[in-house]
Every structure is written in C-alpha cells, then in structure tokens.
Amino acid sequence: MITHQEPLSVGLVRDYGFSMEKMLPFFTGPLQECVAGRADLKEIFPPYLDAWGWSKGVDAMLEYWFARDHKIDTEMVSYIEDLKKKGVKCFLATNQEKNRYAYMLDKMGFNKIFDQTYCSAHLGHKKPNREFYQKIFKDLGNIKKEEILFWDDKAENVKGAEEFGIHAELYTSFEDFKEKMSKYLP
C-alpha cells in the first residue's frame, strides 16, 4: 500500500549525516519491541535520538519519518476499491509500532480503504509469528482459512501465513500481483 521506501536509517544517514553504526542497535532491538507492542516508542526514543545528535525531539523525528513515507500506491488503492465493489473483503495486517499505525489510518486514509486493519503493536505479536495470524483469524469470525488469500512483500511472512494454514502470495510488483490475482477471481 505504501510505495517502496528506503529504510528510515538510510534516510537519516543521507539527510542528517547520522551514523548507521550508532542507529542499527535501535532499529534491530528497541524498535522491534515497539512493533510487537511491548514498548512505547515515545518513551524509549529520546536517549537514542540524543546519542545520534537529533535535538528536535521525538515528535519532530516522527513527523520526519511518517511524512517521508507518506507515499501511497494509488494503483493498489484503486484495485482494492474495485475488489470491494465486487464484495471481496480487504484487510490490512501490518507490522507497525502504534504511532506510525495511527498515522497510516488517519493521515493516509487506510481506515477508509480497508474493511478492517490489524497492527502488530496492538496484537502483541509480529509477522511471521503464528500468534499474529491466529489473533486476526479469530477476530475475523466466520471466515474459513481456505477463504483467505494473504499477500506480503517479505518471504518469511508469506511462509508464516502458509504454515498457519492460509494461502499466501509474495508481492513483488503490481503487475505480478494483478496477474496472480486474475487466477483467483472469476
């Protein structure tokens, strides 16, 4: 749904001259705890920002981060809207920390695009963990596993979905997506 973006760390190196070596421990450790809903980004971020040399505060960093990634794939949105007109339910299941997820819903309009959205920070588990898929499946109610088609741009998440028992496809490009979808739709 969001057009491919470089990692935030790469942008911070380019735009602010931050050291990748100093940033990586945050992105591979504490941030992942936020994505899994076990920590609050606004509480744990300040000492890291200080160490990197960012003096503008947490809110300014989040504004930079979210604004730079605010690039919606309009072709995909249009495709989803067409699917919904045909009665196909469309859901978002994302690995995000809660502040970025809220931005995606409210500022990017994902709350209007999808029938329902799910976020790792609220589920307490990240893809590809089985518990991530289990919590969503339970919430879906009367939908059977064989009625679900899951898409993701990461092979490990596709594998996790398949191991849970739902059909999954790897997203590589919009053209490939449309071609594969034509096999599923009448």
Protein backbone atom coordinates (compact mmCIF):
# COMPACT_ATOMS: atom_id res chain seq x y z
CA MET A 1 0.00 0.00 0.00
CA ILE A 2 2.92 2.30 0.62
CA THR A 3 5.21 2.61 -2.36
CA HIS A 4 8.64 1.15 -1.68
CA GLN A 5 10.68 3.30 0.62
CA GLU A 6 14.28 3.14 1.65
CA PRO A 7 14.72 2.24 5.31
CA LEU A 8 14.40 5.15 7.73
CA SER A 9 18.01 4.63 8.82
CA VAL A 10 19.24 5.18 5.24
CA GLY A 11 17.28 8.43 5.02
CA LEU A 12 18.69 9.62 8.33
CA VAL A 13 22.23 8.94 7.13
CA ARG A 14 21.61 10.84 3.89
CA ASP A 15 19.52 13.72 5.26
CA TYR A 16 21.21 14.28 8.63
CA GLY A 17 24.58 12.54 8.45
CA PHE A 18 23.74 10.12 11.28
CA SER A 19 25.98 7.11 11.82
CA MET A 20 24.43 3.85 10.66
CA GLU A 21 26.59 2.07 13.22
CA LYS A 22 25.02 4.11 16.05
CA MET A 23 21.47 3.66 14.76
CA LEU A 24 21.35 -0.06 13.96
CA PRO A 25 21.11 -1.27 17.57
CA PHE A 26 17.92 0.79 17.97
CA PHE A 27 16.29 -0.45 14.77
CA THR A 28 17.09 -4.11 15.44
CA GLY A 29 16.28 -4.04 19.17
CA PRO A 30 14.10 -1.44 20.92
CA LEU A 31 12.10 -0.51 17.82
CA GLN A 32 11.18 -4.16 17.33
CA GLU A 33 9.83 -4.21 20.89
CA CYS A 34 7.59 -1.27 19.95
CA VAL A 35 6.44 -3.02 16.78
CA ALA A 36 5.48 -6.02 18.92
CA GLY A 37 3.59 -3.77 21.35
CA ARG A 38 5.91 -4.40 24.29
CA ALA A 39 7.33 -0.87 24.48
CA ASP A 40 6.24 2.69 23.73
CA LEU A 41 8.32 4.43 21.08
CA LYS A 42 7.80 7.89 22.53
CA GLU A 43 9.16 6.71 25.88
CA ILE A 44 12.22 4.80 24.66
CA PHE A 45 13.25 7.01 21.70
CA PRO A 46 14.71 10.12 23.47
CA PRO A 47 18.06 8.69 24.62
CA TYR A 48 18.71 7.20 21.18
CA LEU A 49 17.89 10.47 19.45
CA ASP A 50 20.27 12.28 21.82
CA ALA A 51 23.04 9.78 21.05
CA TRP A 52 22.50 10.28 17.33
CA GLY A 53 22.67 14.06 17.64
CA TRP A 54 18.97 14.82 16.99
CA SER A 55 17.96 17.78 19.14
CA LYS A 56 14.46 18.45 17.77
CA GLY A 57 12.62 15.94 19.98
CA VAL A 58 10.60 12.79 19.42
CA ASP A 59 7.60 14.42 17.76
CA ALA A 60 9.78 16.12 15.13
CA MET A 61 11.51 12.80 14.38
CA LEU A 62 8.17 11.04 14.00
CA GLU A 63 6.94 13.83 11.72
CA TYR A 64 10.05 13.45 9.53
CA TRP A 65 9.67 9.65 9.46
CA PHE A 66 5.96 9.50 8.74
CA ALA A 67 5.94 12.33 6.18
CA ARG A 68 8.81 10.85 4.19
CA ASP A 69 6.98 7.51 3.97
CA HIS A 70 3.63 9.08 3.06
CA LYS A 71 3.63 7.71 -0.47
CA ILE A 72 0.50 5.70 -1.20
CA ASP A 73 0.35 3.27 -4.11
CA THR A 74 -2.70 4.72 -5.86
CA GLU A 75 -2.94 1.82 -8.32
CA MET A 76 -3.25 -0.59 -5.41
CA VAL A 77 -5.86 1.59 -3.71
CA SER A 78 -7.90 1.62 -6.91
CA TYR A 79 -7.57 -2.15 -7.23
CA ILE A 80 -8.73 -2.65 -3.64
CA GLU A 81 -11.69 -0.36 -4.22
CA ASP A 82 -12.67 -2.47 -7.25
CA LEU A 83 -12.35 -5.68 -5.22
CA LYS A 84 -14.59 -4.25 -2.51
CA LYS A 85 -17.22 -3.29 -5.12
CA LYS A 86 -17.24 -6.98 -6.11
CA GLY A 87 -17.89 -7.97 -2.50
CA VAL A 88 -14.35 -9.06 -1.67
CA LYS A 89 -13.37 -8.18 1.91
CA CYS A 90 -9.98 -6.48 2.10
CA PHE A 91 -7.91 -6.30 5.27
CA LEU A 92 -4.57 -4.80 6.22
CA ALA A 93 -2.28 -6.80 8.51
CA THR A 94 0.90 -4.86 9.23
CA ASN A 95 3.96 -4.89 11.44
CA GLN A 96 3.98 -1.34 12.83
CA GLU A 97 4.50 0.48 16.07
CA LYS A 98 1.35 2.19 17.32
CA ASN A 99 2.17 5.81 16.39
CA ARG A 100 3.01 5.01 12.79
CA TYR A 101 -0.05 2.77 12.55
CA ALA A 102 -2.28 5.60 13.80
CA TYR A 103 -0.75 7.90 11.18
CA MET A 104 -1.40 5.33 8.45
CA LEU A 105 -5.04 5.02 9.48
CA ASP A 106 -5.81 8.69 9.98
CA LYS A 107 -3.47 10.67 7.73
CA MET A 108 -3.02 8.15 4.91
CA GLY A 109 -6.66 7.08 4.97
CA PHE A 110 -6.11 3.36 5.46
CA ASN A 111 -9.08 3.28 7.83
CA LYS A 112 -11.27 4.15 4.81
CA ILE A 113 -9.54 1.90 2.29
CA PHE A 114 -9.78 -1.39 4.17
CA ASP A 115 -12.70 -3.25 5.72
CA GLN A 116 -10.58 -3.86 8.81
CA THR A 117 -6.95 -3.28 9.79
CA TYR A 118 -4.65 -5.17 12.14
CA CYS A 119 -1.38 -3.99 13.65
CA SER A 120 1.33 -6.00 15.38
CA ALA A 121 1.66 -3.41 18.16
CA HIS A 122 -1.99 -3.95 19.09
CA LEU A 123 -1.93 -7.72 18.58
CA GLY A 124 1.20 -8.16 20.71
CA HIS A 125 2.84 -10.31 18.02
CA LYS A 126 4.61 -9.65 14.72
CA LYS A 127 4.54 -11.43 11.41
CA PRO A 128 5.67 -14.14 10.80
CA ASN A 129 4.79 -15.43 14.29
CA ARG A 130 1.87 -17.84 14.31
CA GLU A 131 0.14 -15.83 17.06
CA PHE A 132 -0.11 -12.82 14.74
CA TYR A 133 -2.18 -14.77 12.21
CA GLN A 134 -4.10 -16.62 14.93
CA LYS A 135 -5.36 -13.43 16.58
CA ILE A 136 -6.51 -11.97 13.26
CA PHE A 137 -8.17 -15.22 12.20
CA LYS A 138 -10.04 -15.42 15.48
CA ASP A 139 -11.25 -11.83 15.07
CA LEU A 140 -12.47 -12.49 11.52
CA GLY A 141 -15.14 -14.81 12.90
CA ASN A 142 -16.89 -16.94 10.32
CA ILE A 143 -14.21 -16.87 7.64
CA LYS A 144 -12.52 -20.19 6.88
CA LYS A 145 -8.76 -20.42 6.37
CA GLU A 146 -9.24 -21.62 2.79
CA GLU A 147 -11.18 -18.41 2.03
CA ILE A 148 -8.19 -16.21 2.88
CA LEU A 149 -5.58 -15.01 0.43
CA PHE A 150 -2.70 -13.27 2.20
CA TRP A 151 -0.19 -11.04 0.39
CA ASP A 152 3.12 -9.78 1.75
CA ASP A 153 6.34 -8.38 0.33
CA LYS A 154 8.51 -10.46 2.67
CA ALA A 155 9.03 -14.16 2.01
CA GLU A 156 9.25 -15.03 5.72
CA ASN A 157 5.80 -13.52 6.30
CA VAL A 158 4.35 -15.48 3.38
CA LYS A 159 5.91 -18.64 4.81
CA GLY A 160 4.48 -17.86 8.27
CA ALA A 161 0.99 -17.44 6.80
CA GLU A 162 1.29 -20.69 4.85
CA GLU A 163 2.49 -22.53 7.97
CA PHE A 164 -0.59 -21.17 9.76
CA GLY A 165 -2.70 -22.77 7.03
CA ILE A 166 -3.77 -19.87 4.83
CA HIS A 167 -2.89 -19.40 1.20
CA ALA A 168 -0.27 -16.70 0.71
CA GLU A 169 1.50 -15.00 -2.16
CA LEU A 170 4.67 -12.95 -2.32
CA TYR A 171 4.16 -9.39 -3.58
CA THR A 172 6.97 -8.41 -5.96
CA SER A 173 5.30 -5.85 -8.24
CA PHE A 174 1.86 -4.52 -9.02
CA GLU A 175 1.90 -6.19 -12.45
CA ASP A 176 2.79 -9.57 -10.92
CA PHE A 177 0.11 -9.04 -8.27
CA LYS A 178 -2.59 -8.37 -10.89
CA GLU A 179 -1.54 -11.41 -12.92
CA LYS A 180 -1.67 -13.70 -9.88
CA MET A 181 -4.96 -12.19 -8.71
CA SER A 182 -6.58 -12.99 -12.06
CA LYS A 183 -6.18 -16.68 -11.16
CA TYR A 184 -8.22 -16.21 -8.00
CA LEU A 185 -11.02 -14.02 -9.30
CA PRO A 186 -13.84 -15.20 -11.57
